[in-house]
Amino acid sequence: MAKDWQELTRITRGAPVVIERVRIDEKDIVVEGSFELPPLARLTMEDQIFITAFIKTHGSIKEMEELFGISYPTVKNRLNRIAEQLEFVEINPPVSRLEVLSQLEKGEITAEEATKKIRG
């Protein structure tokens, strides 16, 4: 199965791909629709390998330098280039003013809490 993803990544070269059918053989289940590949699967195979190595080295740039035979700035530049291709997922997105006012109106928060939330 890993070979299939490698081949797909090689063929698409980072171009957007839409999956229309997914089959789970062991369960005899087929799902049809329009699915995008997850962000990490959209990276080139080389970038996927680089990120996998980075995770396996627990984010050690020193180990990455040794493993790939490259300098610290090269590791950082490559990580930055890869990071630009990935969307950042906010764990605690900022609350909109309308949400804050709604919470205040419902009595869920005080005026002081609302002020703090709006000011950030």
PDB file of N, CA and C in Angstrom:
ATOM      1  N   MET A   1       0.826  -1.194   0.000  1.00  0.00           N
ATOM      2  CA  MET A   1       0.000   0.000   0.000  1.00  0.00           C
ATOM      3  C   MET A   1       0.870   1.257   0.000  1.00  0.00           C
ATOM      4  N   ALA A   2       1.999   1.251   0.736  1.00  0.00           N
ATOM      5  CA  ALA A   2       2.891   2.405   0.750  1.00  0.00           C
ATOM      6  C   ALA A   2       3.410   2.689  -0.649  1.00  0.00           C
ATOM      7  N   LYS A   3       3.657   1.645  -1.410  1.00  0.00           N
ATOM      8  CA  LYS A   3       4.137   1.806  -2.784  1.00  0.00           C
ATOM      9  C   LYS A   3       3.088   2.525  -3.633  1.00  0.00           C
ATOM     10  N   ASP A   4       1.795   2.252  -3.388  1.00  0.00           N
ATOM     11  CA  ASP A   4       0.729   2.918  -4.138  1.00  0.00           C
ATOM     12  C   ASP A   4       0.772   4.423  -3.905  1.00  0.00           C
ATOM     13  N   TRP A   5       0.931   4.844  -2.623  1.00  0.00           N
ATOM     14  CA  TRP A   5       0.978   6.269  -2.306  1.00  0.00           C
ATOM     15  C   TRP A   5       2.229   6.907  -2.894  1.00  0.00           C
ATOM     16  N   GLN A   6       3.335   6.173  -2.866  1.00  0.00           N
ATOM     17  CA  GLN A   6       4.564   6.691  -3.455  1.00  0.00           C
ATOM     18  C   GLN A   6       4.376   6.919  -4.951  1.00  0.00           C
ATOM     19  N   GLU A   7       3.766   5.974  -5.605  1.00  0.00           N
ATOM     20  CA  GLU A   7       3.527   6.087  -7.048  1.00  0.00           C
ATOM     21  C   GLU A   7       2.580   7.243  -7.348  1.00  0.00           C
ATOM     22  N   LEU A   8       1.509   7.365  -6.567  1.00  0.00           N
ATOM     23  CA  LEU A   8       0.555   8.454  -6.754  1.00  0.00           C
ATOM     24  C   LEU A   8       1.247   9.800  -6.544  1.00  0.00           C
ATOM     25  N   THR A   9       2.068   9.901  -5.525  1.00  0.00           N
ATOM     26  CA  THR A   9       2.794  11.139  -5.250  1.00  0.00           C
ATOM     27  C   THR A   9       3.750  11.472  -6.389  1.00  0.00           C
ATOM     28  N   ARG A  10       4.416  10.454  -6.920  1.00  0.00           N
ATOM     29  CA  ARG A  10       5.353  10.657  -8.035  1.00  0.00           C
ATOM     30  C   ARG A  10       4.612  11.144  -9.274  1.00  0.00           C
ATOM     31  N   ILE A  11       3.477  10.531  -9.562  1.00  0.00           N
ATOM     32  CA  ILE A  11       2.709  10.869 -10.766  1.00  0.00           C
ATOM     33  C   ILE A  11       2.138  12.288 -10.676  1.00  0.00           C
ATOM     34  N   THR A  12       1.581  12.651  -9.528  1.00  0.00           N
ATOM     35  CA  THR A  12       0.894  13.936  -9.388  1.00  0.00           C
ATOM     36  C   THR A  12       1.844  15.108  -9.173  1.00  0.00           C
ATOM     37  N   ARG A  13       3.025  14.837  -8.662  1.00  0.00           N
ATOM     38  CA  ARG A  13       4.040  15.883  -8.426  1.00  0.00           C
ATOM     39  C   ARG A  13       3.471  17.092  -7.713  1.00  0.00           C
ATOM     40  N   GLY A  14       2.666  16.865  -6.698  1.00  0.00           N
ATOM     41  CA  GLY A  14       2.131  17.955  -5.890  1.00  0.00           C
ATOM     42  C   GLY A  14       0.890  18.625  -6.442  1.00  0.00           C
ATOM     43  N   ALA A  15       0.433  18.209  -7.614  1.00  0.00           N
ATOM     44  CA  ALA A  15      -0.786  18.804  -8.181  1.00  0.00           C
ATOM     45  C   ALA A  15      -1.991  18.375  -7.348  1.00  0.00           C
ATOM     46  N   PRO A  16      -3.016  19.209  -7.279  1.00  0.00           N
ATOM     47  CA  PRO A  16      -4.213  18.823  -6.522  1.00  0.00           C
ATOM     48  C   PRO A  16      -4.817  17.535  -7.070  1.00  0.00           C
ATOM     49  N   VAL A  17      -5.232  16.667  -6.165  1.00  0.00           N
ATOM     50  CA  VAL A  17      -5.827  15.382  -6.538  1.00  0.00           C
ATOM     51  C   VAL A  17      -7.154  15.247  -5.802  1.00  0.00           C
ATOM     52  N   VAL A  18      -8.160  14.762  -6.498  1.00  0.00           N
ATOM     53  CA  VAL A  18      -9.446  14.483  -5.863  1.00  0.00           C
ATOM     54  C   VAL A  18      -9.672  12.988  -5.959  1.00  0.00           C
ATOM     55  N   ILE A  19      -9.884  12.370  -4.816  1.00  0.00           N
ATOM     56  CA  ILE A  19     -10.174  10.944  -4.750  1.00  0.00           C
ATOM     57  C   ILE A  19     -11.692  10.795  -4.831  1.00  0.00           C
ATOM     58  N   GLU A  20     -12.165   9.902  -5.670  1.00  0.00           N
ATOM     59  CA  GLU A  20     -13.604   9.737  -5.841  1.00  0.00           C
ATOM     60  C   GLU A  20     -14.144   8.432  -5.275  1.00  0.00           C
ATOM     61  N   ARG A  21     -13.250   7.501  -4.991  1.00  0.00           N
ATOM     62  CA  ARG A  21     -13.720   6.225  -4.452  1.00  0.00           C
ATOM     63  C   ARG A  21     -12.680   5.661  -3.513  1.00  0.00           C
ATOM     64  N   VAL A  22     -13.132   5.209  -2.365  1.00  0.00           N
ATOM     65  CA  VAL A  22     -12.267   4.593  -1.365  1.00  0.00           C
ATOM     66  C   VAL A  22     -12.838   3.228  -1.048  1.00  0.00           C
ATOM     67  N   ARG A  23     -11.974   2.225  -1.045  1.00  0.00           N
ATOM     68  CA  ARG A  23     -12.427   0.862  -0.759  1.00  0.00           C
ATOM     69  C   ARG A  23     -11.623   0.308   0.406  1.00  0.00           C
ATOM     70  N   ILE A  24     -12.336  -0.252   1.386  1.00  0.00           N
ATOM     71  CA  ILE A  24     -11.706  -0.937   2.516  1.00  0.00           C
ATOM     72  C   ILE A  24     -11.945  -2.417   2.297  1.00  0.00           C
ATOM     73  N   ASP A  25     -10.920  -3.107   1.792  1.00  0.00           N
ATOM     74  CA  ASP A  25     -11.066  -4.503   1.385  1.00  0.00           C
ATOM     75  C   ASP A  25     -11.516  -5.415   2.519  1.00  0.00           C
ATOM     76  N   GLU A  26     -10.886  -5.268   3.684  1.00  0.00           N
ATOM     77  CA  GLU A  26     -11.196  -6.189   4.794  1.00  0.00           C
ATOM     78  C   GLU A  26     -12.653  -6.120   5.232  1.00  0.00           C
ATOM     79  N   LYS A  27     -13.265  -4.980   5.057  1.00  0.00           N
ATOM     80  CA  LYS A  27     -14.661  -4.794   5.484  1.00  0.00           C
ATOM     81  C   LYS A  27     -15.642  -4.822   4.324  1.00  0.00           C
ATOM     82  N   ASP A  28     -15.122  -4.935   3.093  1.00  0.00           N
ATOM     83  CA  ASP A  28     -15.951  -4.900   1.899  1.00  0.00           C
ATOM     84  C   ASP A  28     -16.827  -3.646   1.883  1.00  0.00           C
ATOM     85  N   ILE A  29     -16.192  -2.516   2.188  1.00  0.00           N
ATOM     86  CA  ILE A  29     -16.883  -1.226   2.220  1.00  0.00           C
ATOM     87  C   ILE A  29     -16.306  -0.342   1.117  1.00  0.00           C
ATOM     88  N   VAL A  30     -17.191   0.343   0.405  1.00  0.00           N
ATOM     89  CA  VAL A  30     -16.780   1.305  -0.611  1.00  0.00           C
ATOM     90  C   VAL A  30     -17.482   2.618  -0.312  1.00  0.00           C
ATOM     91  N   VAL A  31     -16.711   3.703  -0.323  1.00  0.00           N
ATOM     92  CA  VAL A  31     -17.265   5.033  -0.113  1.00  0.00           C
ATOM     93  C   VAL A  31     -16.978   5.834  -1.370  1.00  0.00           C
ATOM     94  N   GLU A  32     -18.014   6.431  -1.936  1.00  0.00           N
ATOM     95  CA  GLU A  32     -17.828   7.243  -3.132  1.00  0.00           C
ATOM     96  C   GLU A  32     -18.212   8.672  -2.822  1.00  0.00           C
ATOM     97  N   GLY A  33     -17.516   9.583  -3.445  1.00  0.00           N
ATOM     98  CA  GLY A  33     -17.759  11.007  -3.239  1.00  0.00           C
ATOM     99  C   GLY A  33     -16.558  11.757  -3.762  1.00  0.00           C
ATOM    100  N   SER A  34     -16.319  12.919  -3.214  1.00  0.00           N
ATOM    101  CA  SER A  34     -15.186  13.738  -3.629  1.00  0.00           C
ATOM    102  C   SER A  34     -14.345  14.022  -2.390  1.00  0.00           C
ATOM    103  N   PHE A  35     -13.135  13.445  -2.347  1.00  0.00           N
ATOM    104  CA  PHE A  35     -12.267  13.575  -1.190  1.00  0.00           C
ATOM    105  C   PHE A  35     -10.923  14.129  -1.621  1.00  0.00           C
ATOM    106  N   GLU A  36     -10.396  15.081  -0.874  1.00  0.00           N
ATOM    107  CA  GLU A  36      -9.056  15.580  -1.150  1.00  0.00           C
ATOM    108  C   GLU A  36      -8.061  14.772  -0.334  1.00  0.00           C
ATOM    109  N   LEU A  37      -6.844  14.685  -0.840  1.00  0.00           N
ATOM    110  CA  LEU A  37      -5.787  14.042  -0.059  1.00  0.00           C
ATOM    111  C   LEU A  37      -5.466  14.898   1.151  1.00  0.00           C
ATOM    112  N   PRO A  38      -5.072  14.289   2.264  1.00  0.00           N
ATOM    113  CA  PRO A  38      -4.655  15.087   3.418  1.00  0.00           C
ATOM    114  C   PRO A  38      -3.398  15.886   3.067  1.00  0.00           C
ATOM    115  N   PRO A  39      -3.156  17.007   3.748  1.00  0.00           N
ATOM    116  CA  PRO A  39      -2.031  17.885   3.408  1.00  0.00           C
ATOM    117  C   PRO A  39      -0.676  17.175   3.327  1.00  0.00           C
ATOM    118  N   LEU A  40      -0.381  16.284   4.248  1.00  0.00           N
ATOM    119  CA  LEU A  40       0.922  15.613   4.220  1.00  0.00           C
ATOM    120  C   LEU A  40       1.060  14.708   3.003  1.00  0.00           C
ATOM    121  N   ALA A  41      -0.035  14.133   2.545  1.00  0.00           N
ATOM    122  CA  ALA A  41       0.011  13.257   1.373  1.00  0.00           C
ATOM    123  C   ALA A  41       0.209  14.049   0.087  1.00  0.00           C
ATOM    124  N   ARG A  42      -0.027  15.355   0.146  1.00  0.00           N
ATOM    125  CA  ARG A  42       0.156  16.204  -1.032  1.00  0.00           C
ATOM    126  C   ARG A  42       1.609  16.625  -1.226  1.00  0.00           C
ATOM    127  N   LEU A  43       2.426  16.419  -0.207  1.00  0.00           N
ATOM    128  CA  LEU A  43       3.849  16.770  -0.317  1.00  0.00           C
ATOM    129  C   LEU A  43       4.550  15.812  -1.274  1.00  0.00           C
ATOM    130  N   THR A  44       5.681  16.232  -1.821  1.00  0.00           N
ATOM    131  CA  THR A  44       6.461  15.328  -2.653  1.00  0.00           C
ATOM    132  C   THR A  44       6.961  14.182  -1.787  1.00  0.00           C
ATOM    133  N   MET A  45       7.332  13.079  -2.415  1.00  0.00           N
ATOM    134  CA  MET A  45       7.826  11.929  -1.665  1.00  0.00           C
ATOM    135  C   MET A  45       9.069  12.323  -0.860  1.00  0.00           C
ATOM    136  N   GLU A  46       9.944  13.138  -1.452  1.00  0.00           N
ATOM    137  CA  GLU A  46      11.160  13.567  -0.749  1.00  0.00           C
ATOM    138  C   GLU A  46      10.816  14.366   0.506  1.00  0.00           C
ATOM    139  N   ASP A  47       9.826  15.256   0.399  1.00  0.00           N
ATOM    140  CA  ASP A  47       9.415  16.040   1.569  1.00  0.00           C
ATOM    141  C   ASP A  47       8.736  15.156   2.615  1.00  0.00           C
ATOM    142  N   GLN A  48       7.975  14.149   2.173  1.00  0.00           N
ATOM    143  CA  GLN A  48       7.354  13.218   3.124  1.00  0.00           C
ATOM    144  C   GLN A  48       8.429  12.459   3.901  1.00  0.00           C
ATOM    145  N   ILE A  49       9.465  12.029   3.193  1.00  0.00           N
ATOM    146  CA  ILE A  49      10.571  11.318   3.847  1.00  0.00           C
ATOM    147  C   ILE A  49      11.274  12.244   4.828  1.00  0.00           C
ATOM    148  N   PHE A  50      11.495  13.492   4.428  1.00  0.00           N
ATOM    149  CA  PHE A  50      12.167  14.464   5.285  1.00  0.00           C
ATOM    150  C   PHE A  50      11.363  14.701   6.566  1.00  0.00           C
ATOM    151  N   ILE A  51      10.060  14.890   6.427  1.00  0.00           N
ATOM    152  CA  ILE A  51       9.203  15.121   7.597  1.00  0.00           C
ATOM    153  C   ILE A  51       9.151  13.887   8.489  1.00  0.00           C
ATOM    154  N   THR A  52       9.082  12.712   7.877  1.00  0.00           N
ATOM    155  CA  THR A  52       9.081  11.469   8.657  1.00  0.00           C
ATOM    156  C   THR A  52      10.368  11.361   9.467  1.00  0.00           C
ATOM    157  N   ALA A  53      11.496  11.661   8.832  1.00  0.00           N
ATOM    158  CA  ALA A  53      12.785  11.617   9.536  1.00  0.00           C
ATOM    159  C   ALA A  53      12.813  12.643  10.656  1.00  0.00           C
ATOM    160  N   PHE A  54      12.267  13.820  10.409  1.00  0.00           N
ATOM    161  CA  PHE A  54      12.237  14.875  11.424  1.00  0.00           C
ATOM    162  C   PHE A  54      11.440  14.430  12.650  1.00  0.00           C
ATOM    163  N   ILE A  55      10.320  13.776  12.398  1.00  0.00           N
ATOM    164  CA  ILE A  55       9.495  13.266  13.504  1.00  0.00           C
ATOM    165  C   ILE A  55      10.223  12.147  14.240  1.00  0.00           C
ATOM    166  N   LYS A  56      10.834  11.219  13.489  1.00  0.00           N
ATOM    167  CA  LYS A  56      11.543  10.096  14.112  1.00  0.00           C
ATOM    168  C   LYS A  56      12.750  10.552  14.924  1.00  0.00           C
ATOM    169  N   THR A  57      13.347  11.705  14.558  1.00  0.00           N
ATOM    170  CA  THR A  57      14.477  12.233  15.327  1.00  0.00           C
ATOM    171  C   THR A  57      13.997  13.176  16.429  1.00  0.00           C
ATOM    172  N   HIS A  58      12.686  13.200  16.647  1.00  0.00           N
ATOM    173  CA  HIS A  58      12.072  14.044  17.674  1.00  0.00           C
ATOM    174  C   HIS A  58      12.394  15.519  17.463  1.00  0.00           C
ATOM    175  N   GLY A  59      12.481  15.917  16.201  1.00  0.00           N
ATOM    176  CA  GLY A  59      12.711  17.315  15.876  1.00  0.00           C
ATOM    177  C   GLY A  59      14.135  17.782  16.091  1.00  0.00           C
ATOM    178  N   SER A  60      15.062  16.861  16.145  1.00  0.00           N
ATOM    179  CA  SER A  60      16.469  17.230  16.357  1.00  0.00           C
ATOM    180  C   SER A  60      17.104  17.667  15.043  1.00  0.00           C
ATOM    181  N   ILE A  61      17.378  18.946  14.943  1.00  0.00           N
ATOM    182  CA  ILE A  61      18.008  19.465  13.731  1.00  0.00           C
ATOM    183  C   ILE A  61      19.423  18.911  13.613  1.00  0.00           C
ATOM    184  N   LYS A  62      20.080  18.736  14.734  1.00  0.00           N
ATOM    185  CA  LYS A  62      21.438  18.169  14.725  1.00  0.00           C
ATOM    186  C   LYS A  62      21.430  16.764  14.106  1.00  0.00           C
ATOM    187  N   GLU A  63      20.463  15.921  14.503  1.00  0.00           N
ATOM    188  CA  GLU A  63      20.360  14.579  13.924  1.00  0.00           C
ATOM    189  C   GLU A  63      19.989  14.643  12.447  1.00  0.00           C
ATOM    190  N   MET A  64      19.159  15.618  12.068  1.00  0.00           N
ATOM    191  CA  MET A  64      18.792  15.775  10.659  1.00  0.00           C
ATOM    192  C   MET A  64      20.024  16.155   9.834  1.00  0.00           C
ATOM    193  N   GLU A  65      20.879  17.020  10.391  1.00  0.00           N
ATOM    194  CA  GLU A  65      22.119  17.399   9.706  1.00  0.00           C
ATOM    195  C   GLU A  65      22.961  16.159   9.418  1.00  0.00           C
ATOM    196  N   GLU A  66      23.086  15.315  10.451  1.00  0.00           N
ATOM    197  CA  GLU A  66      23.897  14.103  10.320  1.00  0.00           C
ATOM    198  C   GLU A  66      23.257  13.108   9.355  1.00  0.00           C
ATOM    199  N   LEU A  67      21.967  12.901   9.487  1.00  0.00           N
ATOM    200  CA  LEU A  67      21.246  11.920   8.680  1.00  0.00           C
ATOM    201  C   LEU A  67      21.285  12.256   7.187  1.00  0.00           C
ATOM    202  N   PHE A  68      21.073  13.533   6.859  1.00  0.00           N
ATOM    203  CA  PHE A  68      21.005  13.937   5.454  1.00  0.00           C
ATOM    204  C   PHE A  68      22.305  14.558   4.937  1.00  0.00           C
ATOM    205  N   GLY A  69      23.275  14.762   5.845  1.00  0.00           N
ATOM    206  CA  GLY A  69      24.546  15.346   5.425  1.00  0.00           C
ATOM    207  C   GLY A  69      24.398  16.779   4.940  1.00  0.00           C
ATOM    208  N   ILE A  70      23.542  17.543   5.634  1.00  0.00           N
ATOM    209  CA  ILE A  70      23.302  18.941   5.246  1.00  0.00           C
ATOM    210  C   ILE A  70      23.519  19.846   6.451  1.00  0.00           C
ATOM    211  N   SER A  71      23.604  21.143   6.199  1.00  0.00           N
ATOM    212  CA  SER A  71      23.874  22.110   7.270  1.00  0.00           C
ATOM    213  C   SER A  71      22.597  22.516   8.001  1.00  0.00           C
ATOM    214  N   TYR A  72      22.788  23.139   9.152  1.00  0.00           N
ATOM    215  CA  TYR A  72      21.680  23.648   9.965  1.00  0.00           C
ATOM    216  C   TYR A  72      20.774  24.569   9.136  1.00  0.00           C
ATOM    217  N   PRO A  73      21.351  25.584   8.442  1.00  0.00           N
ATOM    218  CA  PRO A  73      20.480  26.465   7.642  1.00  0.00           C
ATOM    219  C   PRO A  73      19.700  25.722   6.560  1.00  0.00           C
ATOM    220  N   THR A  74      20.299  24.688   5.994  1.00  0.00           N
ATOM    221  CA  THR A  74      19.602  23.917   4.954  1.00  0.00           C
ATOM    222  C   THR A  74      18.415  23.172   5.553  1.00  0.00           C
ATOM    223  N   VAL A  75      18.605  22.583   6.735  1.00  0.00           N
ATOM    224  CA  VAL A  75      17.493  21.901   7.417  1.00  0.00           C
ATOM    225  C   VAL A  75      16.385  22.908   7.692  1.00  0.00           C
ATOM    226  N   LYS A  76      16.737  24.062   8.270  1.00  0.00           N
ATOM    227  CA  LYS A  76      15.734  25.083   8.607  1.00  0.00           C
ATOM    228  C   LYS A  76      15.011  25.587   7.355  1.00  0.00           C
ATOM    229  N   ASN A  77      15.763  25.842   6.287  1.00  0.00           N
ATOM    230  CA  ASN A  77      15.141  26.332   5.049  1.00  0.00           C
ATOM    231  C   ASN A  77      14.171  25.310   4.469  1.00  0.00           C
ATOM    232  N   ARG A  78      14.572  24.052   4.522  1.00  0.00           N
ATOM    233  CA  ARG A  78      13.697  23.001   3.973  1.00  0.00           C
ATOM    234  C   ARG A  78      12.436  22.859   4.824  1.00  0.00           C
ATOM    235  N   LEU A  79      12.585  22.900   6.135  1.00  0.00           N
ATOM    236  CA  LEU A  79      11.416  22.829   7.018  1.00  0.00           C
ATOM    237  C   LEU A  79      10.494  24.026   6.768  1.00  0.00           C
ATOM    238  N   ASN A  80      11.068  25.203   6.600  1.00  0.00           N
ATOM    239  CA  ASN A  80      10.250  26.394   6.329  1.00  0.00           C
ATOM    240  C   ASN A  80       9.518  26.266   4.994  1.00  0.00           C
ATOM    241  N   ARG A  81      10.204  25.752   3.980  1.00  0.00           N
ATOM    242  CA  ARG A  81       9.581  25.578   2.669  1.00  0.00           C
ATOM    243  C   ARG A  81       8.417  24.589   2.749  1.00  0.00           C
ATOM    244  N   ILE A  82       8.630  23.499   3.485  1.00  0.00           N
ATOM    245  CA  ILE A  82       7.567  22.496   3.646  1.00  0.00           C
ATOM    246  C   ILE A  82       6.412  23.088   4.452  1.00  0.00           C
ATOM    247  N   ALA A  83       6.736  23.821   5.512  1.00  0.00           N
ATOM    248  CA  ALA A  83       5.701  24.415   6.368  1.00  0.00           C
ATOM    249  C   ALA A  83       4.811  25.373   5.583  1.00  0.00           C
ATOM    250  N   GLU A  84       5.375  26.082   4.604  1.00  0.00           N
ATOM    251  CA  GLU A  84       4.590  27.007   3.783  1.00  0.00           C
ATOM    252  C   GLU A  84       3.533  26.278   2.960  1.00  0.00           C
ATOM    253  N   GLN A  85       3.752  25.004   2.700  1.00  0.00           N
ATOM    254  CA  GLN A  85       2.804  24.223   1.905  1.00  0.00           C
ATOM    255  C   GLN A  85       1.655  23.661   2.746  1.00  0.00           C
ATOM    256  N   LEU A  86       1.800  23.721   4.059  1.00  0.00           N
ATOM    257  CA  LEU A  86       0.807  23.136   4.957  1.00  0.00           C
ATOM    258  C   LEU A  86      -0.004  24.228   5.635  1.00  0.00           C
ATOM    259  N   GLU A  87      -1.293  23.990   5.765  1.00  0.00           N
ATOM    260  CA  GLU A  87      -2.146  24.927   6.473  1.00  0.00           C
ATOM    261  C   GLU A  87      -1.923  24.770   7.965  1.00  0.00           C
ATOM    262  N   PHE A  88      -1.904  25.891   8.671  1.00  0.00           N
ATOM    263  CA  PHE A  88      -1.760  25.847  10.114  1.00  0.00           C
ATOM    264  C   PHE A  88      -3.133  25.618  10.730  1.00  0.00           C
ATOM    265  N   VAL A  89      -3.198  24.684  11.649  1.00  0.00           N
ATOM    266  CA  VAL A  89      -4.457  24.386  12.328  1.00  0.00           C
ATOM    267  C   VAL A  89      -4.429  25.084  13.678  1.00  0.00           C
ATOM    268  N   GLU A  90      -5.344  26.013  13.867  1.00  0.00           N
ATOM    269  CA  GLU A  90      -5.408  26.718  15.142  1.00  0.00           C
ATOM    270  C   GLU A  90      -6.162  25.875  16.151  1.00  0.00           C
ATOM    271  N   ILE A  91      -5.528  25.672  17.299  1.00  0.00           N
ATOM    272  CA  ILE A  91      -6.160  24.878  18.347  1.00  0.00           C
ATOM    273  C   ILE A  91      -7.184  25.724  19.092  1.00  0.00           C
ATOM    274  N   ASN A  92      -6.852  26.968  19.361  1.00  0.00           N
ATOM    275  CA  ASN A  92      -7.759  27.889  20.045  1.00  0.00           C
ATOM    276  C   ASN A  92      -7.935  29.140  19.188  1.00  0.00           C
ATOM    277  N   PRO A  93      -8.773  29.051  18.139  1.00  0.00           N
ATOM    278  CA  PRO A  93      -8.935  30.218  17.271  1.00  0.00           C
ATOM    279  C   PRO A  93      -9.539  31.388  18.048  1.00  0.00           C
ATOM    280  N   PRO A  94      -9.192  32.601  17.644  1.00  0.00           N
ATOM    281  CA  PRO A  94      -9.748  33.754  18.345  1.00  0.00           C
ATOM    282  C   PRO A  94     -11.266  33.804  18.189  1.00  0.00           C
ATOM    283  N   VAL A  95     -11.904  34.297  19.217  1.00  0.00           N
ATOM    284  CA  VAL A  95     -13.361  34.395  19.226  1.00  0.00           C
ATOM    285  C   VAL A  95     -13.753  35.698  18.527  1.00  0.00           C
ATOM    286  N   SER A  96     -14.762  35.643  17.673  1.00  0.00           N
ATOM    287  CA  SER A  96     -15.205  36.847  16.969  1.00  0.00           C
ATOM    288  C   SER A  96     -15.959  37.766  17.928  1.00  0.00           C
ATOM    289  N   ARG A  97     -16.019  39.036  17.570  1.00  0.00           N
ATOM    290  CA  ARG A  97     -16.747  40.013  18.393  1.00  0.00           C
ATOM    291  C   ARG A  97     -18.215  39.613  18.541  1.00  0.00           C
ATOM    292  N   LEU A  98     -18.795  39.102  17.448  1.00  0.00           N
ATOM    293  CA  LEU A  98     -20.209  38.700  17.506  1.00  0.00           C
ATOM    294  C   LEU A  98     -20.410  37.563  18.497  1.00  0.00           C
ATOM    295  N   GLU A  99     -19.461  36.615  18.514  1.00  0.00           N
ATOM    296  CA  GLU A  99     -19.557  35.511  19.473  1.00  0.00           C
ATOM    297  C   GLU A  99     -19.472  36.027  20.899  1.00  0.00           C
ATOM    298  N   VAL A 100     -18.541  36.956  21.126  1.00  0.00           N
ATOM    299  CA  VAL A 100     -18.351  37.525  22.462  1.00  0.00           C
ATOM    300  C   VAL A 100     -19.620  38.256  22.896  1.00  0.00           C
ATOM    301  N   LEU A 101     -20.174  39.064  21.995  1.00  0.00           N
ATOM    302  CA  LEU A 101     -21.397  39.793  22.333  1.00  0.00           C
ATOM    303  C   LEU A 101     -22.562  38.849  22.586  1.00  0.00           C
ATOM    304  N   SER A 102     -22.618  37.763  21.820  1.00  0.00           N
ATOM    305  CA  SER A 102     -23.660  36.758  22.022  1.00  0.00           C
ATOM    306  C   SER A 102     -23.511  36.097  23.390  1.00  0.00           C
ATOM    307  N   GLN A 103     -22.275  35.752  23.758  1.00  0.00           N
ATOM    308  CA  GLN A 103     -22.023  35.145  25.075  1.00  0.00           C
ATOM    309  C   GLN A 103     -22.398  36.116  26.194  1.00  0.00           C
ATOM    310  N   LEU A 104     -22.069  37.396  25.998  1.00  0.00           N
ATOM    311  CA  LEU A 104     -22.394  38.420  26.989  1.00  0.00           C
ATOM    312  C   LEU A 104     -23.905  38.565  27.124  1.00  0.00           C
ATOM    313  N   GLU A 105     -24.591  38.606  25.995  1.00  0.00           N
ATOM    314  CA  GLU A 105     -26.045  38.743  25.983  1.00  0.00           C
ATOM    315  C   GLU A 105     -26.736  37.572  26.683  1.00  0.00           C
ATOM    316  N   LYS A 106     -26.186  36.366  26.512  1.00  0.00           N
ATOM    317  CA  LYS A 106     -26.762  35.165  27.133  1.00  0.00           C
ATOM    318  C   LYS A 106     -26.376  35.038  28.605  1.00  0.00           C
ATOM    319  N   GLY A 107     -25.508  35.928  29.071  1.00  0.00           N
ATOM    320  CA  GLY A 107     -25.070  35.867  30.459  1.00  0.00           C
ATOM    321  C   GLY A 107     -24.010  34.804  30.714  1.00  0.00           C
ATOM    322  N   GLU A 108     -23.396  34.306  29.652  1.00  0.00           N
ATOM    323  CA  GLU A 108     -22.368  33.272  29.795  1.00  0.00           C
ATOM    324  C   GLU A 108     -21.039  33.849  30.282  1.00  0.00           C
ATOM    325  N   ILE A 109     -20.837  35.142  30.011  1.00  0.00           N
ATOM    326  CA  ILE A 109     -19.621  35.817  30.461  1.00  0.00           C
ATOM    327  C   ILE A 109     -19.988  37.192  30.996  1.00  0.00           C
ATOM    328  N   THR A 110     -19.083  37.771  31.778  1.00  0.00           N
ATOM    329  CA  THR A 110     -19.308  39.107  32.326  1.00  0.00           C
ATOM    330  C   THR A 110     -18.821  40.149  31.321  1.00  0.00           C
ATOM    331  N   ALA A 111     -19.166  41.408  31.578  1.00  0.00           N
ATOM    332  CA  ALA A 111     -18.716  42.500  30.711  1.00  0.00           C
ATOM    333  C   ALA A 111     -17.191  42.591  30.731  1.00  0.00           C
ATOM    334  N   GLU A 112     -16.604  42.358  31.886  1.00  0.00           N
ATOM    335  CA  GLU A 112     -15.140  42.387  32.013  1.00  0.00           C
ATOM    336  C   GLU A 112     -14.499  41.278  31.163  1.00  0.00           C
ATOM    337  N   GLU A 113     -15.068  40.084  31.210  1.00  0.00           N
ATOM    338  CA  GLU A 113     -14.547  38.964  30.394  1.00  0.00           C
ATOM    339  C   GLU A 113     -14.708  39.271  28.900  1.00  0.00           C
ATOM    340  N   ALA A 114     -15.846  39.877  28.538  1.00  0.00           N
ATOM    341  CA  ALA A 114     -16.091  40.227  27.142  1.00  0.00           C
ATOM    342  C   ALA A 114     -15.050  41.234  26.661  1.00  0.00           C
ATOM    343  N   THR A 115     -14.759  42.211  27.484  1.00  0.00           N
ATOM    344  CA  THR A 115     -13.748  43.226  27.136  1.00  0.00           C
ATOM    345  C   THR A 115     -12.400  42.581  26.913  1.00  0.00           C
ATOM    346  N   LYS A 116     -12.006  41.673  27.801  1.00  0.00           N
ATOM    347  CA  LYS A 116     -10.724  40.992  27.675  1.00  0.00           C
ATOM    348  C   LYS A 116     -10.667  40.161  26.388  1.00  0.00           C
ATOM    349  N   LYS A 117     -11.755  39.463  26.075  1.00  0.00           N
ATOM    350  CA  LYS A 117     -11.785  38.628  24.870  1.00  0.00           C
ATOM    351  C   LYS A 117     -11.687  39.476  23.607  1.00  0.00           C
ATOM    352  N   ILE A 118     -12.369  40.601  23.602  1.00  0.00           N
ATOM    353  CA  ILE A 118     -12.351  41.468  22.420  1.00  0.00           C
ATOM    354  C   ILE A 118     -10.974  42.096  22.236  1.00  0.00           C
ATOM    355  N   ARG A 119     -10.334  42.449  23.330  1.00  0.00           N
ATOM    356  CA  ARG A 119      -8.990  43.048  23.251  1.00  0.00           C
ATOM    357  C   ARG A 119      -7.901  42.014  22.968  1.00  0.00           C
ATOM    358  N   GLY A 120      -8.245  40.751  23.168  1.00  0.00           N
ATOM    359  CA  GLY A 120      -7.297  39.680  22.872  1.00  0.00           C
ATOM    360  C   GLY A 120      -6.372  39.440  24.006  1.00  0.00           C
TER     361      GLY A 120
END
